[in-house]
Every structure is written in structure tokens, then in C-alpha cells.
Amino acid sequence: MSKQAINETTHLFATIGARTERGGQVSRVSTDATIDDLGLAVVGDIVGYEDGTEATIVDGAGFAAMWGNRPVALVGSQLSNGDRIVIATQDAFGITVRDGEEIPGLFDPAYSLILSDAVRAGGDRA
């Protein structure tokens, strides 16, 4: 019996120092969580640019990874200025999504954790 290939994509967590397409860098985070002593970024955290401008992370992991009721930022997260995080400063942690798998709120700027998500996932508390 042959094994069917499973296609999946891993989206690494963004931390302090993660880079964007336009040369920005995650510069301020609001969590106390760290990976390799680098602060973990979430939606709402700040990316700085060499010219002094800043942008806000607007989407992330959705229900798959939350910290303080905010989605964790990922490689692929969009920013308020249209830029996107493209390079992580760590390669050990992230989320893996199999083809066809739906994760509520993944890369959705309108996502917020609601009770129905917790119930659908089998939880008994929001």
C-alpha cells in the first residue's frame, strides 16, 4: 500500500528582527514570550524602517496560535502599509498547515477570537 503525499506549508513565527519585503524589521513587541531570547511578535506590534517610519502588523496565525488574545505574527503577515514579513530570525517554531486545512483567522486582519471558535475546536472556555 503506497503512502499518499501530504502537502503542507510551515509559517514561522515572527520575532524581534524579522524582516519585511521593503527592508523593515520587527522592532517592538508587546509580549513577554521569547524564542531564542527574541521577543515574539503579535498582531498590533511594530515594524520599523531605516527612514524612521513605522507600520503595524495587521494579521497572523488566527486561531492556530494566540498570545494574549491576539494572533501571533508569522512570516507572511501583512502590515498596515502593505508590506509583508518575509524572513524570520528563528527557524524552530511556527504553524504547519496541510493543504485543504482551514484555520479560522489565518492571515485575516478582521479576525478576533470568539466563543464559537473555541467550541468548534473542542474547548469549553473562551
C-alpha atoms as a PDB file:
ATOM      1  CA  MET A   1       0.000   0.000   0.000  1.00  0.00           C
ATOM      2  CA  SER A   2       1.512   3.340  -1.039  1.00  0.00           C
ATOM      3  CA  LYS A   3       1.540   6.392   1.165  1.00  0.00           C
ATOM      4  CA  GLN A   4      -0.269   9.414  -0.162  1.00  0.00           C
ATOM      5  CA  ALA A   5       1.855  12.561  -0.240  1.00  0.00           C
ATOM      6  CA  ILE A   6       0.801  15.184   2.259  1.00  0.00           C
ATOM      7  CA  ASN A   7       1.383  18.734   1.096  1.00  0.00           C
ATOM      8  CA  GLU A   8       1.834  21.252   3.849  1.00  0.00           C
ATOM      9  CA  THR A   9       3.204  24.727   4.420  1.00  0.00           C
ATOM     10  CA  THR A  10       5.044  25.902   7.522  1.00  0.00           C
ATOM     11  CA  HIS A  11       4.705  29.547   8.534  1.00  0.00           C
ATOM     12  CA  LEU A  12       7.436  30.507  11.014  1.00  0.00           C
ATOM     13  CA  PHE A  13       6.673  32.770  13.981  1.00  0.00           C
ATOM     14  CA  ALA A  14       7.945  36.350  13.675  1.00  0.00           C
ATOM     15  CA  THR A  15      10.159  37.711  16.445  1.00  0.00           C
ATOM     16  CA  ILE A  16      12.203  40.852  17.032  1.00  0.00           C
ATOM     17  CA  GLY A  17      14.431  41.291  13.982  1.00  0.00           C
ATOM     18  CA  ALA A  18      12.168  39.548  11.442  1.00  0.00           C
ATOM     19  CA  ARG A  19      12.498  41.317   8.058  1.00  0.00           C
ATOM     20  CA  THR A  20       9.981  42.560   5.518  1.00  0.00           C
ATOM     21  CA  GLU A  21       9.960  42.771   1.721  1.00  0.00           C
ATOM     22  CA  ARG A  22      10.710  46.504   1.864  1.00  0.00           C
ATOM     23  CA  GLY A  23      13.545  46.274   4.388  1.00  0.00           C
ATOM     24  CA  GLY A  24      11.587  46.833   7.584  1.00  0.00           C
ATOM     25  CA  GLN A  25      12.343  44.974  10.780  1.00  0.00           C
ATOM     26  CA  VAL A  26      10.102  43.916  13.679  1.00  0.00           C
ATOM     27  CA  SER A  27      11.320  46.390  16.272  1.00  0.00           C
ATOM     28  CA  ARG A  28       8.804  46.481  19.150  1.00  0.00           C
ATOM     29  CA  VAL A  29       6.719  43.657  20.562  1.00  0.00           C
ATOM     30  CA  SER A  30       4.115  43.678  23.317  1.00  0.00           C
ATOM     31  CA  THR A  31       4.502  40.112  24.595  1.00  0.00           C
ATOM     32  CA  ASP A  32       6.842  38.730  27.217  1.00  0.00           C
ATOM     33  CA  ALA A  33       7.173  35.487  25.241  1.00  0.00           C
ATOM     34  CA  THR A  34      10.542  34.804  23.625  1.00  0.00           C
ATOM     35  CA  ILE A  35      12.125  32.398  21.180  1.00  0.00           C
ATOM     36  CA  ASP A  36      15.931  32.255  21.420  1.00  0.00           C
ATOM     37  CA  ASP A  37      15.751  35.386  23.622  1.00  0.00           C
ATOM     38  CA  LEU A  38      13.924  37.303  20.863  1.00  0.00           C
ATOM     39  CA  GLY A  39      10.502  38.757  21.671  1.00  0.00           C
ATOM     40  CA  LEU A  40       7.547  37.067  19.963  1.00  0.00           C
ATOM     41  CA  ALA A  41       5.508  39.403  17.719  1.00  0.00           C
ATOM     42  CA  VAL A  42       1.707  39.506  17.621  1.00  0.00           C
ATOM     43  CA  VAL A  43      -0.890  41.459  15.654  1.00  0.00           C
ATOM     44  CA  GLY A  44      -0.578  45.121  16.643  1.00  0.00           C
ATOM     45  CA  ASP A  45       3.195  45.068  17.143  1.00  0.00           C
ATOM     46  CA  ILE A  46       5.522  47.447  15.307  1.00  0.00           C
ATOM     47  CA  VAL A  47       7.862  47.177  12.320  1.00  0.00           C
ATOM     48  CA  GLY A  48      10.417  49.968  11.904  1.00  0.00           C
ATOM     49  CA  TYR A  49      12.188  51.192   8.772  1.00  0.00           C
ATOM     50  CA  GLU A  50      15.571  52.880   8.284  1.00  0.00           C
ATOM     51  CA  ASP A  51      13.865  56.157   7.312  1.00  0.00           C
ATOM     52  CA  GLY A  52      12.171  56.292  10.732  1.00  0.00           C
ATOM     53  CA  THR A  53       8.696  55.294   9.566  1.00  0.00           C
ATOM     54  CA  GLU A  54       6.736  52.518  11.247  1.00  0.00           C
ATOM     55  CA  ALA A  55       3.964  50.081  10.343  1.00  0.00           C
ATOM     56  CA  THR A  56       1.724  47.821  12.393  1.00  0.00           C
ATOM     57  CA  ILE A  57       1.345  44.049  11.947  1.00  0.00           C
ATOM     58  CA  VAL A  58      -2.300  43.527  10.910  1.00  0.00           C
ATOM     59  CA  ASP A  59      -2.733  39.747  10.563  1.00  0.00           C
ATOM     60  CA  GLY A  60      -1.247  36.475  11.722  1.00  0.00           C
ATOM     61  CA  ALA A  61      -1.843  32.891  12.793  1.00  0.00           C
ATOM     62  CA  GLY A  62      -5.515  33.295  13.688  1.00  0.00           C
ATOM     63  CA  PHE A  63      -6.868  30.558  15.955  1.00  0.00           C
ATOM     64  CA  ALA A  64      -3.753  28.391  15.408  1.00  0.00           C
ATOM     65  CA  ALA A  65      -1.507  30.490  17.678  1.00  0.00           C
ATOM     66  CA  MET A  66      -2.644  33.252  20.004  1.00  0.00           C
ATOM     67  CA  TRP A  67      -0.874  35.194  22.741  1.00  0.00           C
ATOM     68  CA  GLY A  68      -2.896  37.457  24.984  1.00  0.00           C
ATOM     69  CA  ASN A  69      -5.957  37.095  22.734  1.00  0.00           C
ATOM     70  CA  ARG A  70      -4.015  38.325  19.693  1.00  0.00           C
ATOM     71  CA  PRO A  71      -2.816  36.163  16.799  1.00  0.00           C
ATOM     72  CA  VAL A  72       0.923  35.507  16.678  1.00  0.00           C
ATOM     73  CA  ALA A  73       2.651  37.187  13.715  1.00  0.00           C
ATOM     74  CA  LEU A  74       4.056  34.898  11.030  1.00  0.00           C
ATOM     75  CA  VAL A  75       6.295  35.006   8.006  1.00  0.00           C
ATOM     76  CA  GLY A  76       3.623  36.112   5.534  1.00  0.00           C
ATOM     77  CA  SER A  77       1.876  38.528   7.920  1.00  0.00           C
ATOM     78  CA  GLN A  78       0.750  41.784   6.293  1.00  0.00           C
ATOM     79  CA  LEU A  79       1.492  45.255   7.642  1.00  0.00           C
ATOM     80  CA  SER A  80      -0.589  48.421   7.756  1.00  0.00           C
ATOM     81  CA  ASN A  81       1.489  49.953   4.932  1.00  0.00           C
ATOM     82  CA  GLY A  82       1.031  46.994   2.546  1.00  0.00           C
ATOM     83  CA  ASP A  83       4.442  45.464   3.306  1.00  0.00           C
ATOM     84  CA  ARG A  84       4.797  41.821   4.390  1.00  0.00           C
ATOM     85  CA  ILE A  85       7.078  39.881   6.769  1.00  0.00           C
ATOM     86  CA  VAL A  86       9.257  37.571   4.648  1.00  0.00           C
ATOM     87  CA  ILE A  87      12.253  36.487   6.755  1.00  0.00           C
ATOM     88  CA  ALA A  88      12.185  35.025  10.271  1.00  0.00           C
ATOM     89  CA  THR A  89      15.033  35.345  12.753  1.00  0.00           C
ATOM     90  CA  GLN A  90      14.365  31.823  14.025  1.00  0.00           C
ATOM     91  CA  ASP A  91      13.512  28.569  12.275  1.00  0.00           C
ATOM     92  CA  ALA A  92      12.370  26.334  15.134  1.00  0.00           C
ATOM     93  CA  PHE A  93       8.764  27.407  15.758  1.00  0.00           C
ATOM     94  CA  GLY A  94       5.706  28.162  13.667  1.00  0.00           C
ATOM     95  CA  ILE A  95       2.496  26.588  12.457  1.00  0.00           C
ATOM     96  CA  THR A  96       2.107  23.914   9.799  1.00  0.00           C
ATOM     97  CA  VAL A  97      -0.966  23.935   7.592  1.00  0.00           C
ATOM     98  CA  ARG A  98      -1.867  20.942   5.453  1.00  0.00           C
ATOM     99  CA  ASP A  99      -3.402  21.529   2.030  1.00  0.00           C
ATOM    100  CA  GLY A 100      -7.157  21.802   2.436  1.00  0.00           C
ATOM    101  CA  GLU A 101      -6.954  22.531   6.176  1.00  0.00           C
ATOM    102  CA  GLU A 102      -8.839  25.633   7.278  1.00  0.00           C
ATOM    103  CA  ILE A 103      -7.582  27.658  10.218  1.00  0.00           C
ATOM    104  CA  PRO A 104     -10.027  30.321  11.395  1.00  0.00           C
ATOM    105  CA  GLY A 105      -8.442  33.748  11.060  1.00  0.00           C
ATOM    106  CA  LEU A 106      -5.209  32.689   9.321  1.00  0.00           C
ATOM    107  CA  PHE A 107      -3.855  35.858   7.652  1.00  0.00           C
ATOM    108  CA  ASP A 108      -7.232  37.566   8.220  1.00  0.00           C
ATOM    109  CA  PRO A 109      -6.959  41.160   9.506  1.00  0.00           C
ATOM    110  CA  ALA A 110     -10.589  41.083  10.686  1.00  0.00           C
ATOM    111  CA  TYR A 111     -10.113  38.003  12.890  1.00  0.00           C
ATOM    112  CA  SER A 112     -10.776  38.078  16.618  1.00  0.00           C
ATOM    113  CA  LEU A 113     -11.100  35.134  18.965  1.00  0.00           C
ATOM    114  CA  ILE A 114     -14.758  34.387  19.565  1.00  0.00           C
ATOM    115  CA  LEU A 115     -16.529  31.727  21.594  1.00  0.00           C
ATOM    116  CA  SER A 116     -17.661  29.763  18.538  1.00  0.00           C
ATOM    117  CA  ASP A 117     -14.014  29.134  17.555  1.00  0.00           C
ATOM    118  CA  ALA A 118     -13.226  27.688  20.993  1.00  0.00           C
ATOM    119  CA  VAL A 119     -16.324  25.489  20.954  1.00  0.00           C
ATOM    120  CA  ARG A 120     -15.671  24.299  17.390  1.00  0.00           C
ATOM    121  CA  ALA A 121     -12.122  23.322  18.419  1.00  0.00           C
ATOM    122  CA  GLY A 122     -13.430  21.282  21.336  1.00  0.00           C
ATOM    123  CA  GLY A 123     -12.730  23.764  24.100  1.00  0.00           C
ATOM    124  CA  ASP A 124     -15.106  24.505  26.934  1.00  0.00           C
ATOM    125  CA  ARG A 125     -13.900  28.030  27.711  1.00  0.00           C
ATOM    126  CA  ALA A 126     -13.310  31.152  25.654  1.00  0.00           C
END
